[in-house]
C-alpha atoms as a PDB file:
ATOM      1  CA  MET A   1     -10.055 -12.104   2.586  1.00  0.00           C
ATOM      2  CA  PRO A   2     -10.888  -8.607   1.311  1.00  0.00           C
ATOM      3  CA  PRO A   3     -11.360  -8.887  -2.462  1.00  0.00           C
ATOM      4  CA  SER A   4      -9.572  -5.591  -3.163  1.00  0.00           C
ATOM      5  CA  LEU A   5      -6.449  -6.927  -1.458  1.00  0.00           C
ATOM      6  CA  VAL A   6      -6.273 -10.356  -3.058  1.00  0.00           C
ATOM      7  CA  LYS A   7      -5.820 -10.520  -6.777  1.00  0.00           C
ATOM      8  CA  SER A   8      -3.872 -12.756  -9.014  1.00  0.00           C
ATOM      9  CA  THR A   9      -0.457 -11.237  -9.478  1.00  0.00           C
ATOM     10  CA  PRO A  10       2.317 -12.140 -11.885  1.00  0.00           C
ATOM     11  CA  GLN A  11       4.887 -14.519 -10.498  1.00  0.00           C
ATOM     12  CA  SER A  12       8.066 -12.831  -9.390  1.00  0.00           C
ATOM     13  CA  THR A  13      11.093 -13.178 -11.597  1.00  0.00           C
ATOM     14  CA  SER A  14      13.285 -11.726  -8.852  1.00  0.00           C
ATOM     15  CA  GLN A  15      15.763 -13.597  -6.726  1.00  0.00           C
ATOM     16  CA  PRO A  16      14.685 -15.071  -3.361  1.00  0.00           C
ATOM     17  CA  ASN A  17      14.555 -12.502  -0.524  1.00  0.00           C
ATOM     18  CA  THR A  18      13.847  -9.580  -2.866  1.00  0.00           C
ATOM     19  CA  MET A  19      10.644  -7.581  -3.212  1.00  0.00           C
ATOM     20  CA  ASN A  20       8.301  -8.430  -6.081  1.00  0.00           C
ATOM     21  CA  LEU A  21       8.241  -5.185  -8.041  1.00  0.00           C
ATOM     22  CA  ASN A  22       5.211  -5.979 -10.186  1.00  0.00           C
ATOM     23  CA  GLN A  23       2.688  -6.498  -7.423  1.00  0.00           C
ATOM     24  CA  THR A  24      -0.209  -4.228  -6.417  1.00  0.00           C
ATOM     25  CA  SER A  25      -2.297  -6.701  -4.400  1.00  0.00           C
ATOM     26  CA  ALA A  26      -1.607  -9.184  -1.618  1.00  0.00           C
ATOM     27  CA  THR A  27      -1.376 -12.885  -2.259  1.00  0.00           C
ATOM     28  CA  PRO A  28      -3.432 -15.253  -0.092  1.00  0.00           C
ATOM     29  CA  GLU A  29      -0.191 -16.269   1.636  1.00  0.00           C
ATOM     30  CA  GLN A  30       0.656 -12.653   2.442  1.00  0.00           C
ATOM     31  CA  LEU A  31      -2.794 -12.073   3.925  1.00  0.00           C
ATOM     32  CA  ALA A  32      -2.487 -15.237   5.986  1.00  0.00           C
ATOM     33  CA  ALA A  33       0.812 -13.914   7.378  1.00  0.00           C
ATOM     34  CA  LEU A  34      -0.864 -10.561   8.151  1.00  0.00           C
ATOM     35  CA  MET A  35      -3.501 -12.398  10.173  1.00  0.00           C
ATOM     36  CA  THR A  36      -0.742 -13.499  12.590  1.00  0.00           C
ATOM     37  CA  TYR A  37      -0.113  -9.861  13.603  1.00  0.00           C
ATOM     38  CA  PRO A  38      -1.003  -9.378  17.297  1.00  0.00           C
ATOM     39  CA  ALA A  39      -4.705  -8.562  17.749  1.00  0.00           C
ATOM     40  CA  ASP A  40      -5.683  -5.106  18.989  1.00  0.00           C
ATOM     41  CA  THR A  41      -2.166  -3.769  18.395  1.00  0.00           C
ATOM     42  CA  PRO A  42      -1.580  -0.599  16.357  1.00  0.00           C
ATOM     43  CA  VAL A  43      -0.074  -1.180  12.925  1.00  0.00           C
ATOM     44  CA  VAL A  44       1.734   1.259  10.661  1.00  0.00           C
ATOM     45  CA  MET A  45       1.428   0.327   7.016  1.00  0.00           C
ATOM     46  CA  VAL A  46       4.431   1.418   4.963  1.00  0.00           C
ATOM     47  CA  ASN A  47       3.290   2.007   1.382  1.00  0.00           C
ATOM     48  CA  ILE A  48       6.083   1.912  -1.229  1.00  0.00           C
ATOM     49  CA  LEU A  49       4.587   3.177  -4.469  1.00  0.00           C
ATOM     50  CA  LYS A  50       5.722   3.314  -8.083  1.00  0.00           C
ATOM     51  CA  TYR A  51       3.293   5.091 -10.399  1.00  0.00           C
ATOM     52  CA  LYS A  52       2.542   4.014 -13.946  1.00  0.00           C
ATOM     53  CA  ALA A  53       3.674   6.577 -16.519  1.00  0.00           C
ATOM     54  CA  ARG A  54       0.175   6.398 -18.053  1.00  0.00           C
ATOM     55  CA  THR A  55      -2.931   4.621 -16.759  1.00  0.00           C
ATOM     56  CA  GLY A  56      -4.373   3.790 -20.162  1.00  0.00           C
ATOM     57  CA  GLN A  57      -7.201   6.281 -19.550  1.00  0.00           C
ATOM     58  CA  GLY A  58      -6.272   8.905 -22.139  1.00  0.00           C
ATOM     59  CA  ASP A  59      -3.393  11.109 -20.994  1.00  0.00           C
ATOM     60  CA  GLU A  60      -3.944  10.435 -17.297  1.00  0.00           C
ATOM     61  CA  THR A  61      -0.784   9.655 -15.316  1.00  0.00           C
ATOM     62  CA  GLY A  62      -0.504   7.201 -12.485  1.00  0.00           C
ATOM     63  CA  ALA A  63       0.220  10.117 -10.145  1.00  0.00           C
ATOM     64  CA  GLU A  64      -3.065  11.762 -11.156  1.00  0.00           C
ATOM     65  CA  ALA A  65      -5.051   8.556 -10.644  1.00  0.00           C
ATOM     66  CA  TYR A  66      -3.427   8.030  -7.239  1.00  0.00           C
ATOM     67  CA  ALA A  67      -4.223  11.608  -6.211  1.00  0.00           C
ATOM     68  CA  ARG A  68      -7.877  10.866  -7.025  1.00  0.00           C
ATOM     69  CA  TYR A  69      -7.669   7.656  -4.973  1.00  0.00           C
ATOM     70  CA  MET A  70      -6.219   9.573  -2.014  1.00  0.00           C
ATOM     71  CA  ARG A  71      -9.015  12.177  -2.128  1.00  0.00           C
ATOM     72  CA  ASN A  72     -11.689   9.494  -2.291  1.00  0.00           C
ATOM     73  CA  VAL A  73     -10.176   7.127   0.285  1.00  0.00           C
ATOM     74  CA  ALA A  74      -9.584   9.851   2.926  1.00  0.00           C
ATOM     75  CA  PRO A  75     -13.074   9.641   4.506  1.00  0.00           C
ATOM     76  CA  VAL A  76     -12.999   5.811   4.381  1.00  0.00           C
ATOM     77  CA  LEU A  77      -9.612   5.809   6.086  1.00  0.00           C
ATOM     78  CA  ALA A  78     -10.810   8.222   8.789  1.00  0.00           C
ATOM     79  CA  GLN A  79     -13.926   6.130   9.427  1.00  0.00           C
ATOM     80  CA  ALA A  80     -11.666   3.108  10.008  1.00  0.00           C
ATOM     81  CA  GLY A  81      -9.628   5.054  12.561  1.00  0.00           C
ATOM     82  CA  GLY A  82      -6.681   5.249  10.185  1.00  0.00           C
ATOM     83  CA  LYS A  83      -4.535   8.292   9.634  1.00  0.00           C
ATOM     84  CA  LEU A  84      -1.829   9.333   7.233  1.00  0.00           C
ATOM     85  CA  LEU A  85       1.266   9.930   9.369  1.00  0.00           C
ATOM     86  CA  TRP A  86       3.715  10.916   6.658  1.00  0.00           C
ATOM     87  CA  LYS A  87       4.083  11.141   2.897  1.00  0.00           C
ATOM     88  CA  GLY A  88       7.317  11.737   1.024  1.00  0.00           C
ATOM     89  CA  THR A  89       8.441  11.840  -2.571  1.00  0.00           C
ATOM     90  CA  VAL A  90      11.499   9.694  -3.217  1.00  0.00           C
ATOM     91  CA  HIS A  91      14.348  11.928  -4.358  1.00  0.00           C
ATOM     92  CA  THR A  92      17.277   9.518  -4.561  1.00  0.00           C
ATOM     93  CA  THR A  93      18.051   5.927  -3.722  1.00  0.00           C
ATOM     94  CA  VAL A  94      21.154   6.161  -1.549  1.00  0.00           C
ATOM     95  CA  ILE A  95      21.616   2.436  -0.853  1.00  0.00           C
ATOM     96  CA  GLY A  96      20.084  -0.210  -3.063  1.00  0.00           C
ATOM     97  CA  GLU A  97      18.989  -0.664  -6.640  1.00  0.00           C
ATOM     98  CA  THR A  98      18.054   2.516  -8.496  1.00  0.00           C
ATOM     99  CA  GLU A  99      16.222   0.720 -11.296  1.00  0.00           C
ATOM    100  CA  GLY A 100      12.486   0.912 -10.645  1.00  0.00           C
ATOM    101  CA  GLN A 101      12.990   3.366  -7.780  1.00  0.00           C
ATOM    102  CA  PRO A 102       9.659   4.076  -6.054  1.00  0.00           C
ATOM    103  CA  ASP A 103       8.029   7.478  -6.457  1.00  0.00           C
ATOM    104  CA  VAL A 104       6.403   7.894  -3.047  1.00  0.00           C
ATOM    105  CA  VAL A 105       6.464   6.407   0.445  1.00  0.00           C
ATOM    106  CA  LEU A 106       3.441   6.735   2.773  1.00  0.00           C
ATOM    107  CA  LEU A 107       3.048   5.785   6.432  1.00  0.00           C
ATOM    108  CA  VAL A 108      -0.554   5.050   7.422  1.00  0.00           C
ATOM    109  CA  GLU A 109      -1.460   4.073  10.984  1.00  0.00           C
ATOM    110  CA  TYR A 110      -4.454   1.939  11.974  1.00  0.00           C
ATOM    111  CA  PRO A 111      -5.623   1.038  15.489  1.00  0.00           C
ATOM    112  CA  SER A 112      -5.172  -2.637  14.522  1.00  0.00           C
ATOM    113  CA  VAL A 113      -4.880  -5.001  11.585  1.00  0.00           C
ATOM    114  CA  GLN A 114      -8.562  -5.786  12.152  1.00  0.00           C
ATOM    115  CA  HIS A 115      -9.399  -2.101  11.477  1.00  0.00           C
ATOM    116  CA  PHE A 116      -7.308  -2.188   8.298  1.00  0.00           C
ATOM    117  CA  LEU A 117      -8.974  -5.379   7.031  1.00  0.00           C
ATOM    118  CA  LYS A 118     -12.462  -4.126   7.874  1.00  0.00           C
ATOM    119  CA  MET A 119     -11.763  -0.955   5.897  1.00  0.00           C
ATOM    120  CA  ALA A 120     -10.260  -2.817   2.941  1.00  0.00           C
ATOM    121  CA  SER A 121     -13.291  -5.104   2.692  1.00  0.00           C
ATOM    122  CA  SER A 122     -15.894  -2.353   3.104  1.00  0.00           C
ATOM    123  CA  PRO A 123     -18.187  -1.370   0.209  1.00  0.00           C
ATOM    124  CA  ALA A 124     -16.974   2.235   0.580  1.00  0.00           C
ATOM    125  CA  TYR A 125     -13.363   1.157   0.021  1.00  0.00           C
ATOM    126  CA  GLN A 126     -14.314  -1.203  -2.815  1.00  0.00           C
ATOM    127  CA  ALA A 127     -15.898   1.785  -4.580  1.00  0.00           C
ATOM    128  CA  VAL A 128     -12.548   3.625  -4.750  1.00  0.00           C
ATOM    129  CA  ALA A 129      -9.964   0.803  -4.773  1.00  0.00           C
ATOM    130  CA  ASP A 130      -9.758   0.458  -8.557  1.00  0.00           C
ATOM    131  CA  ASP A 131      -8.044   3.858  -8.817  1.00  0.00           C
ATOM    132  CA  ARG A 132      -5.174   2.521  -6.677  1.00  0.00           C
ATOM    133  CA  THR A 133      -4.658  -0.446  -8.988  1.00  0.00           C
ATOM    134  CA  LEU A 134      -5.074   1.753 -12.068  1.00  0.00           C
ATOM    135  CA  ALA A 135      -2.409   4.173 -10.780  1.00  0.00           C
ATOM    136  CA  LEU A 136       0.336   1.810  -9.683  1.00  0.00           C
ATOM    137  CA  GLU A 137       3.034  -0.167 -11.398  1.00  0.00           C
ATOM    138  CA  TYR A 138       4.057  -1.356  -7.933  1.00  0.00           C
ATOM    139  CA  GLY A 139       2.206  -0.895  -4.643  1.00  0.00           C
ATOM    140  CA  GLY A 140       4.217  -2.500  -1.866  1.00  0.00           C
ATOM    141  CA  LEU A 141       2.630  -2.592   1.573  1.00  0.00           C
ATOM    142  CA  LEU A 142       4.545  -3.517   4.731  1.00  0.00           C
ATOM    143  CA  ALA A 143       2.753  -4.070   8.056  1.00  0.00           C
ATOM    144  CA  THR A 144       5.049  -2.737  10.756  1.00  0.00           C
ATOM    145  CA  MET A 145       4.828  -2.889  14.519  1.00  0.00           C
ATOM    146  CA  PRO A 146       5.955   0.317  16.224  1.00  0.00           C
ATOM    147  CA  GLU A 147       8.830  -0.138  18.658  1.00  0.00           C
ATOM    148  CA  ARG A 148      10.243   2.070  21.367  1.00  0.00           C
ATOM    149  CA  THR A 149      13.839   3.072  20.724  1.00  0.00           C
ATOM    150  CA  ASN A 150      16.519   5.047  22.525  1.00  0.00           C
ATOM    151  CA  LEU A 151      17.098   7.237  19.478  1.00  0.00           C
ATOM    152  CA  GLY A 152      15.148  10.214  20.708  1.00  0.00           C
END
């Protein structure tokens, strides 16, 4: 398992079937579930991010640390065949809890889960991964399988 993805995380105090909003790394169980994703199938990773107000590095904000992470991870992502499809700042929660509302949502596509895992375990990624952890109060990551729809 890629070391930057698996870290000990606090146990959730949330109710069953709710997202753990204090997690920035995958649990071993979550990575095992990811390994069941169909091989050689594109995956879109939905990143749901809540920045720390301050990183603990002077006056640096979580948003500033994450911007540094994004600059530094861009060539690593491209080398893995990944690409940022979309990034949006959360304006308002329309349905759902507003407490702890995320700051940003990103959609990142990879040719396969294998490409994602190879990137996440690479020395190049390991060199920049700490800025992601430093920046985030919550860093949810959902592996999604694109589907064809009749919506347009």
